[in-house]
Amino acid sequence: MRTTGARCRICRRLGSKLFLKGDRCLSEKCPVAQGAPVPGQINQKHGSGKPSDFKLQLVERQKIRKSYDINEQHLRNIFKKSRGQEGKTDDLLLIALERRLDNVVYRAGFATSRAKARQLVSHGHFTLNGRRVDVPSILVRVEDKIAIRAGSAGKKPFDGLKPKSEARWVKVDPKKKEIEIAALPAADDLPEDFQAQSVVESYSR
């Protein structure tokens, strides 16, 4: 299933800030930043034993799934496609996730979270190379151009929008509010928050 319910609780359970609630994750209100305990373990004594490989792999799968707002089957399908390509499977898996249209919208600053970006794309607020799209999982290519649909430009989600991309492979024109894919993400562009190799090992069993 996709990410639903209390998103801060998910981050607490996985012990990592996954930026599921946009600006709140950058504020002092973030429970993970405050050192909040894992849900259900308050005032309990924790075992000091080393977690099993299975648990570590499961946690990494959940972190990636929740962060990119995809389900288990989708992640497994991306792994299968990545395994059949030339290159490191763990890098190829993350590159495919980064190339998702909803992630690009998020990376370009058009939404404060991937969940919000997914919603905006699903409601048809964007065009890809001039054509209206509503499929968040589309994989972008080099020189693709994404823009806010003319009929959506004046709507509330985009009111006062100041898009900015920190990803060097995603170029943003803040005046036109357009996105251009300058290149495909390289290994150096991939997020360091995830141990994708653990996911590869998990699915390779």
Protein backbone atom coordinates (compact mmCIF):
# COMPACT_ATOMS: atom_id res chain seq x y z
CA MET A 1 0.00 0.00 0.00
CA ARG A 2 1.04 3.61 -0.49
CA THR A 3 1.96 5.88 2.39
CA THR A 4 -1.16 6.84 4.37
CA GLY A 5 -1.93 7.77 7.95
CA ALA A 6 0.41 9.44 10.43
CA ARG A 7 3.53 10.16 8.39
CA CYS A 8 5.64 11.32 11.34
CA ARG A 9 4.96 7.99 13.01
CA ILE A 10 6.40 6.22 9.94
CA CYS A 11 9.66 8.18 10.20
CA ARG A 12 9.87 7.45 13.92
CA ARG A 13 9.34 3.74 13.37
CA LEU A 14 12.04 3.55 10.67
CA GLY A 15 14.41 5.81 12.60
CA SER A 16 15.04 8.12 9.66
CA LYS A 17 13.76 11.46 8.43
CA LEU A 18 12.03 10.70 5.12
CA PHE A 19 10.62 14.19 4.48
CA LEU A 20 7.06 12.93 4.15
CA LYS A 21 5.43 16.14 5.45
CA GLY A 22 7.28 18.81 3.51
CA ASP A 23 8.18 21.95 5.46
CA ARG A 24 7.32 20.39 8.81
CA CYS A 25 10.27 18.02 8.35
CA LEU A 26 12.59 21.04 8.18
CA SER A 27 11.16 22.67 11.29
CA GLU A 28 11.75 22.15 14.99
CA LYS A 29 8.44 20.29 15.16
CA CYS A 30 9.93 17.21 13.45
CA PRO A 31 9.67 14.32 15.98
CA VAL A 32 12.75 12.59 14.52
CA ALA A 33 14.84 15.74 14.98
CA GLN A 34 13.53 15.96 18.56
CA GLY A 35 14.69 12.40 19.23
CA ALA A 36 11.20 10.97 19.70
CA PRO A 37 11.22 7.25 20.56
CA VAL A 38 10.02 4.47 18.27
CA PRO A 39 6.21 4.15 18.52
CA GLY A 40 5.14 1.60 21.13
CA GLN A 41 8.53 1.43 22.83
CA ILE A 42 8.25 4.22 25.39
CA ASN A 43 9.57 3.17 28.82
CA GLN A 44 10.56 -0.24 27.47
CA LYS A 45 14.00 -1.77 27.69
CA HIS A 46 15.48 -2.45 24.28
CA GLY A 47 17.68 -5.36 23.46
CA SER A 48 21.24 -4.43 22.58
CA GLY A 49 21.66 -7.29 20.13
CA LYS A 50 22.59 -6.60 16.52
CA PRO A 51 19.55 -6.62 14.18
CA SER A 52 19.42 -9.45 11.67
CA ASP A 53 20.24 -8.96 7.98
CA PHE A 54 16.59 -9.67 7.19
CA LYS A 55 15.43 -6.83 9.45
CA LEU A 56 17.97 -4.39 8.02
CA GLN A 57 16.90 -5.24 4.49
CA LEU A 58 13.23 -4.93 5.39
CA VAL A 59 13.80 -1.50 6.94
CA GLU A 60 15.65 -0.26 3.85
CA ARG A 61 12.83 -1.48 1.59
CA GLN A 62 10.29 0.32 3.74
CA LYS A 63 12.35 3.52 3.83
CA ILE A 64 12.55 3.65 0.04
CA ARG A 65 8.90 2.70 -0.45
CA LYS A 66 7.61 5.26 2.00
CA SER A 67 9.92 8.01 0.79
CA TYR A 68 8.96 7.59 -2.89
CA ASP A 69 5.33 6.77 -2.01
CA ILE A 70 5.19 3.47 -3.91
CA ASN A 71 4.00 0.00 -3.00
CA GLU A 72 5.96 -3.22 -2.63
CA GLN A 73 5.07 -4.61 -6.06
CA HIS A 74 6.13 -1.41 -7.79
CA LEU A 75 9.51 -1.47 -6.06
CA ARG A 76 9.99 -5.12 -6.95
CA ASN A 77 9.16 -4.42 -10.60
CA ILE A 78 11.73 -1.61 -10.69
CA PHE A 79 14.31 -4.00 -9.23
CA LYS A 80 13.58 -6.61 -11.91
CA LYS A 81 13.99 -4.06 -14.71
CA SER A 82 17.16 -2.65 -13.16
CA ARG A 83 18.69 -6.12 -12.77
CA GLY A 84 18.37 -6.71 -16.50
CA GLN A 85 20.34 -3.56 -17.42
CA GLU A 86 24.06 -2.95 -17.62
CA GLY A 87 25.47 -1.32 -14.50
CA LYS A 88 25.15 -1.55 -10.72
CA THR A 89 21.64 -2.71 -9.89
CA ASP A 90 21.41 -0.66 -6.69
CA ASP A 91 22.32 2.57 -8.53
CA LEU A 92 19.99 1.75 -11.44
CA LEU A 93 17.13 1.16 -9.00
CA LEU A 94 17.53 4.58 -7.38
CA ILE A 95 18.02 6.25 -10.77
CA ALA A 96 14.69 4.84 -11.93
CA LEU A 97 12.99 6.14 -8.80
CA GLU A 98 14.55 9.57 -9.26
CA ARG A 99 13.34 9.68 -12.88
CA ARG A 100 9.69 9.30 -11.87
CA LEU A 101 7.64 12.32 -12.92
CA ASP A 102 6.28 12.94 -9.43
CA ASN A 103 9.80 12.88 -7.99
CA VAL A 104 11.01 15.37 -10.62
CA VAL A 105 8.13 17.71 -9.73
CA TYR A 106 9.21 17.41 -6.08
CA ARG A 107 12.90 17.90 -6.86
CA ALA A 108 12.09 21.03 -8.86
CA GLY A 109 10.32 22.61 -5.89
CA PHE A 110 6.81 22.48 -7.34
CA ALA A 111 5.63 20.51 -4.30
CA THR A 112 6.81 20.26 -0.68
CA SER A 113 6.68 16.46 -0.62
CA ARG A 114 6.57 13.56 -3.05
CA ALA A 115 3.07 12.69 -1.87
CA LYS A 116 1.90 16.19 -2.78
CA ALA A 117 3.73 15.99 -6.12
CA ARG A 118 2.06 12.67 -6.84
CA GLN A 119 -1.34 14.20 -6.13
CA LEU A 120 -0.70 17.20 -8.38
CA VAL A 121 0.43 14.98 -11.26
CA SER A 122 -2.48 12.57 -10.78
CA HIS A 123 -4.93 15.48 -11.03
CA GLY A 124 -3.51 16.46 -14.40
CA HIS A 125 -1.93 19.77 -13.41
CA PHE A 126 1.22 19.19 -15.50
CA THR A 127 2.19 18.73 -19.12
CA LEU A 128 5.09 16.66 -20.42
CA ASN A 129 6.50 17.97 -23.70
CA GLY A 130 3.28 19.89 -24.25
CA ARG A 131 0.89 17.01 -23.54
CA ARG A 132 -1.25 16.74 -20.41
CA VAL A 133 -0.23 13.82 -18.20
CA ASP A 134 -1.70 12.26 -15.07
CA VAL A 135 0.60 9.26 -14.49
CA PRO A 136 3.11 9.91 -11.65
CA SER A 137 5.24 6.86 -12.51
CA ILE A 138 6.27 8.06 -16.00
CA LEU A 139 10.06 8.00 -16.32
CA VAL A 140 11.43 11.25 -17.72
CA ARG A 141 14.15 11.38 -20.37
CA VAL A 142 16.89 13.84 -21.27
CA GLU A 143 15.51 17.08 -22.79
CA ASP A 144 11.98 16.36 -21.54
CA LYS A 145 10.13 19.52 -20.52
CA ILE A 146 7.55 19.64 -17.75
CA ALA A 147 5.28 22.62 -17.19
CA ILE A 148 2.19 23.58 -15.24
CA ARG A 149 -0.87 23.15 -17.42
CA ALA A 150 -2.32 26.47 -18.61
CA GLY A 151 -5.64 25.81 -16.89
CA SER A 152 -3.91 25.08 -13.57
CA ALA A 153 -1.38 27.91 -13.42
CA GLY A 154 -3.59 30.22 -11.38
CA LYS A 155 -4.85 27.62 -8.93
CA LYS A 156 -4.05 27.56 -5.22
CA PRO A 157 -1.29 24.89 -5.24
CA PHE A 158 0.80 27.15 -7.48
CA ASP A 159 -0.05 30.51 -5.94
CA GLY A 160 3.19 32.25 -4.95
CA LEU A 161 5.24 29.30 -6.14
CA LYS A 162 9.00 29.88 -6.25
CA PRO A 163 10.42 26.70 -7.77
CA LYS A 164 14.08 25.87 -7.31
CA SER A 165 16.01 22.70 -7.97
CA GLU A 166 18.99 21.51 -5.95
CA ALA A 167 19.41 18.53 -8.29
CA ARG A 168 21.93 19.42 -10.99
CA TRP A 169 20.23 17.17 -13.55
CA VAL A 170 16.93 19.07 -13.15
CA LYS A 171 16.86 22.61 -14.53
CA VAL A 172 14.10 25.01 -13.50
CA ASP A 173 13.01 28.23 -15.17
CA PRO A 174 11.46 30.12 -12.20
CA LYS A 175 9.84 32.76 -14.42
CA LYS A 176 8.16 30.36 -16.82
CA LYS A 177 7.79 27.78 -14.04
CA GLU A 178 9.06 25.07 -16.33
CA ILE A 179 11.31 22.08 -15.74
CA GLU A 180 13.85 20.65 -18.17
CA ILE A 181 15.70 17.37 -17.74
CA ALA A 182 19.31 18.34 -18.46
CA ALA A 183 20.68 14.82 -17.94
CA LEU A 184 19.84 11.54 -16.31
CA PRO A 185 20.86 11.33 -12.65
CA ALA A 186 24.33 9.86 -12.14
CA ALA A 187 25.60 7.90 -9.16
CA ASP A 188 26.82 11.14 -7.52
CA ASP A 189 23.32 12.61 -7.79
CA LEU A 190 21.58 9.81 -5.90
CA PRO A 191 20.30 10.34 -2.34
CA GLU A 192 22.64 9.03 0.33
CA ASP A 193 19.81 8.28 2.76
CA PHE A 194 19.18 4.79 1.37
CA GLN A 195 21.15 1.56 1.25
CA ALA A 196 19.76 0.30 -2.04
CA GLN A 197 22.18 -2.65 -2.01
CA SER A 198 20.19 -4.06 0.90
CA VAL A 199 17.07 -3.97 -1.28
CA VAL A 200 18.92 -5.77 -4.08
CA GLU A 201 20.09 -8.45 -1.64
CA SER A 202 16.59 -8.81 -0.24
CA TYR A 203 14.97 -9.36 -3.64
CA SER A 204 17.80 -11.60 -4.84
CA ARG A 205 17.10 -14.27 -2.23
